[in-house]
């Protein structure tokens, strides 16, 4: 398997996830008529998701596509990988950041949801790429 495929898929799917959250949050703000401050994704955060997607693609490639998990469909491997990455990497960091900054729980949930969807989408996209290449 080519590493470059997984880096490309990881980075692209992370950006797609960020774009999806931006569009969904803008729609929610239009419906609730709130000020569009909380849900906006800045350039730095989009770059963080891109770099994280590249890293997650690399980790998926290193794990040999979770080949040890047998008798399950490819998307189950992807969701498992994404959930484990979010639970082990993103959730503790988000909890520490929210606690140290004193941010509201709403902002913490928004960021946790954004990072969870990024991890899950990257995991499923990498699993699909692995399945197609096999």
Protein backbone atom coordinates (compact mmCIF):
# COMPACT_ATOMS: atom_id res chain seq x y z
CA UNK A 1 0.00 0.00 0.00
CA UNK A 2 1.24 3.44 -0.89
CA UNK A 3 1.72 5.80 2.03
CA UNK A 4 0.96 8.80 -0.17
CA UNK A 5 -2.62 7.57 -0.73
CA UNK A 6 -3.30 7.47 2.99
CA UNK A 7 -1.74 10.87 3.59
CA UNK A 8 -3.83 12.36 0.79
CA UNK A 9 -7.05 10.66 1.92
CA UNK A 10 -6.44 11.59 5.56
CA UNK A 11 -5.76 15.25 4.84
CA UNK A 12 -8.59 15.62 2.34
CA UNK A 13 -11.18 13.90 4.52
CA UNK A 14 -10.18 16.07 7.50
CA UNK A 15 -10.75 19.20 5.43
CA UNK A 16 -14.08 17.84 4.16
CA UNK A 17 -15.11 17.21 7.76
CA UNK A 18 -14.19 20.77 8.74
CA UNK A 19 -16.11 22.15 5.76
CA UNK A 20 -19.14 20.05 6.67
CA UNK A 21 -19.11 21.38 10.22
CA UNK A 22 -18.82 24.94 9.00
CA UNK A 23 -21.80 24.55 6.69
CA UNK A 24 -23.90 22.74 9.29
CA UNK A 25 -23.11 25.29 11.99
CA UNK A 26 -23.88 28.20 9.67
CA UNK A 27 -27.27 26.63 8.93
CA UNK A 28 -27.94 26.13 12.64
CA UNK A 29 -27.02 29.75 13.35
CA UNK A 30 -29.37 30.93 10.62
CA UNK A 31 -32.23 28.91 12.07
CA UNK A 32 -31.63 30.06 15.65
CA UNK A 33 -30.64 33.62 14.68
CA UNK A 34 -27.47 33.65 16.76
CA UNK A 35 -24.37 35.67 16.21
CA UNK A 36 -21.98 33.67 14.02
CA UNK A 37 -19.06 33.66 16.48
CA UNK A 38 -18.90 30.28 18.16
CA UNK A 39 -19.06 27.92 15.22
CA UNK A 40 -16.69 29.65 12.86
CA UNK A 41 -13.62 27.69 11.87
CA UNK A 42 -10.52 29.79 11.49
CA UNK A 43 -7.60 29.12 9.21
CA UNK A 44 -5.41 27.87 12.05
CA UNK A 45 -8.03 25.36 13.17
CA UNK A 46 -8.55 24.14 9.60
CA UNK A 47 -4.78 23.66 9.28
CA UNK A 48 -4.78 21.74 12.59
CA UNK A 49 -7.45 19.41 11.21
CA UNK A 50 -5.46 18.99 7.99
CA UNK A 51 -2.26 18.09 9.83
CA UNK A 52 -4.20 15.77 12.14
CA UNK A 53 -5.76 14.09 9.13
CA UNK A 54 -2.30 13.53 7.66
CA UNK A 55 -1.15 12.05 10.96
CA UNK A 56 -4.19 9.80 11.27
CA UNK A 57 -3.67 8.58 7.71
CA UNK A 58 -0.07 7.76 8.59
CA UNK A 59 -1.11 5.92 11.76
CA UNK A 60 -3.71 3.93 9.81
CA UNK A 61 -1.06 2.96 7.28
CA UNK A 62 1.28 1.93 10.10
CA UNK A 63 -1.46 -0.22 11.65
CA UNK A 64 -1.81 -2.17 8.39
CA UNK A 65 -5.41 -1.10 8.08
CA UNK A 66 -6.46 -2.76 11.31
CA UNK A 67 -6.04 -6.08 9.52
CA UNK A 68 -6.11 -7.90 12.86
CA UNK A 69 -9.82 -7.10 13.14
CA UNK A 70 -11.32 -9.87 11.05
CA UNK A 71 -14.85 -10.83 10.00
CA UNK A 72 -16.11 -7.24 10.02
CA UNK A 73 -16.81 -4.93 7.09
CA UNK A 74 -14.33 -2.22 6.14
CA UNK A 75 -16.47 0.60 7.54
CA UNK A 76 -16.49 -1.06 10.99
CA UNK A 77 -12.69 -1.00 10.95
CA UNK A 78 -12.80 2.65 10.00
CA UNK A 79 -15.23 3.58 12.78
CA UNK A 80 -13.20 1.57 15.29
CA UNK A 81 -10.01 3.32 14.26
CA UNK A 82 -11.63 6.76 14.32
CA UNK A 83 -13.25 6.23 17.70
CA UNK A 84 -10.03 4.93 19.25
CA UNK A 85 -8.07 7.88 17.87
CA UNK A 86 -10.61 10.33 19.21
CA UNK A 87 -10.89 8.64 22.60
CA UNK A 88 -7.14 8.26 23.08
CA UNK A 89 -5.83 11.43 21.44
CA UNK A 90 -8.39 14.17 21.01
CA UNK A 91 -10.74 13.81 23.99
CA UNK A 92 -8.08 14.18 26.74
CA UNK A 93 -6.50 17.16 25.00
CA UNK A 94 -9.86 18.88 24.53
CA UNK A 95 -10.81 18.26 28.15
CA UNK A 96 -7.54 19.76 29.35
CA UNK A 97 -7.88 22.80 27.07
CA UNK A 98 -11.45 23.54 28.12
CA UNK A 99 -10.60 23.11 31.81
CA UNK A 100 -7.51 25.31 31.66
CA UNK A 101 -9.14 28.12 29.68
CA UNK A 102 -12.37 28.15 31.61
CA UNK A 103 -14.37 27.98 28.37
CA UNK A 104 -18.04 27.18 28.41
CA UNK A 105 -19.24 23.61 28.19
CA UNK A 106 -21.02 24.48 24.94
CA UNK A 107 -17.76 25.43 23.25
CA UNK A 108 -16.13 22.28 24.64
CA UNK A 109 -18.90 20.11 23.20
CA UNK A 110 -18.66 21.88 19.84
CA UNK A 111 -14.92 21.23 19.60
CA UNK A 112 -15.29 17.65 20.83
CA UNK A 113 -17.94 16.99 18.17
CA UNK A 114 -15.80 18.62 15.48
CA UNK A 115 -12.76 16.49 16.39
CA UNK A 116 -14.83 13.32 16.74
CA UNK A 117 -16.27 13.74 13.26
CA UNK A 118 -12.81 14.45 11.86
CA UNK A 119 -11.39 11.28 13.44
CA UNK A 120 -14.35 9.16 12.32
CA UNK A 121 -14.40 10.49 8.76
CA UNK A 122 -10.64 10.04 8.37
CA UNK A 123 -10.90 6.49 9.78
CA UNK A 124 -13.69 5.50 7.42
CA UNK A 125 -11.98 7.11 4.41
CA UNK A 126 -8.70 5.32 5.16
CA UNK A 127 -10.52 2.01 5.67
CA UNK A 128 -12.26 2.46 2.33
CA UNK A 129 -8.93 3.23 0.66
CA UNK A 130 -7.38 0.12 2.21
CA UNK A 131 -10.31 -2.02 1.07
CA UNK A 132 -10.11 -0.73 -2.50
CA UNK A 133 -6.37 -1.31 -2.70
CA UNK A 134 -6.55 -4.87 -1.36
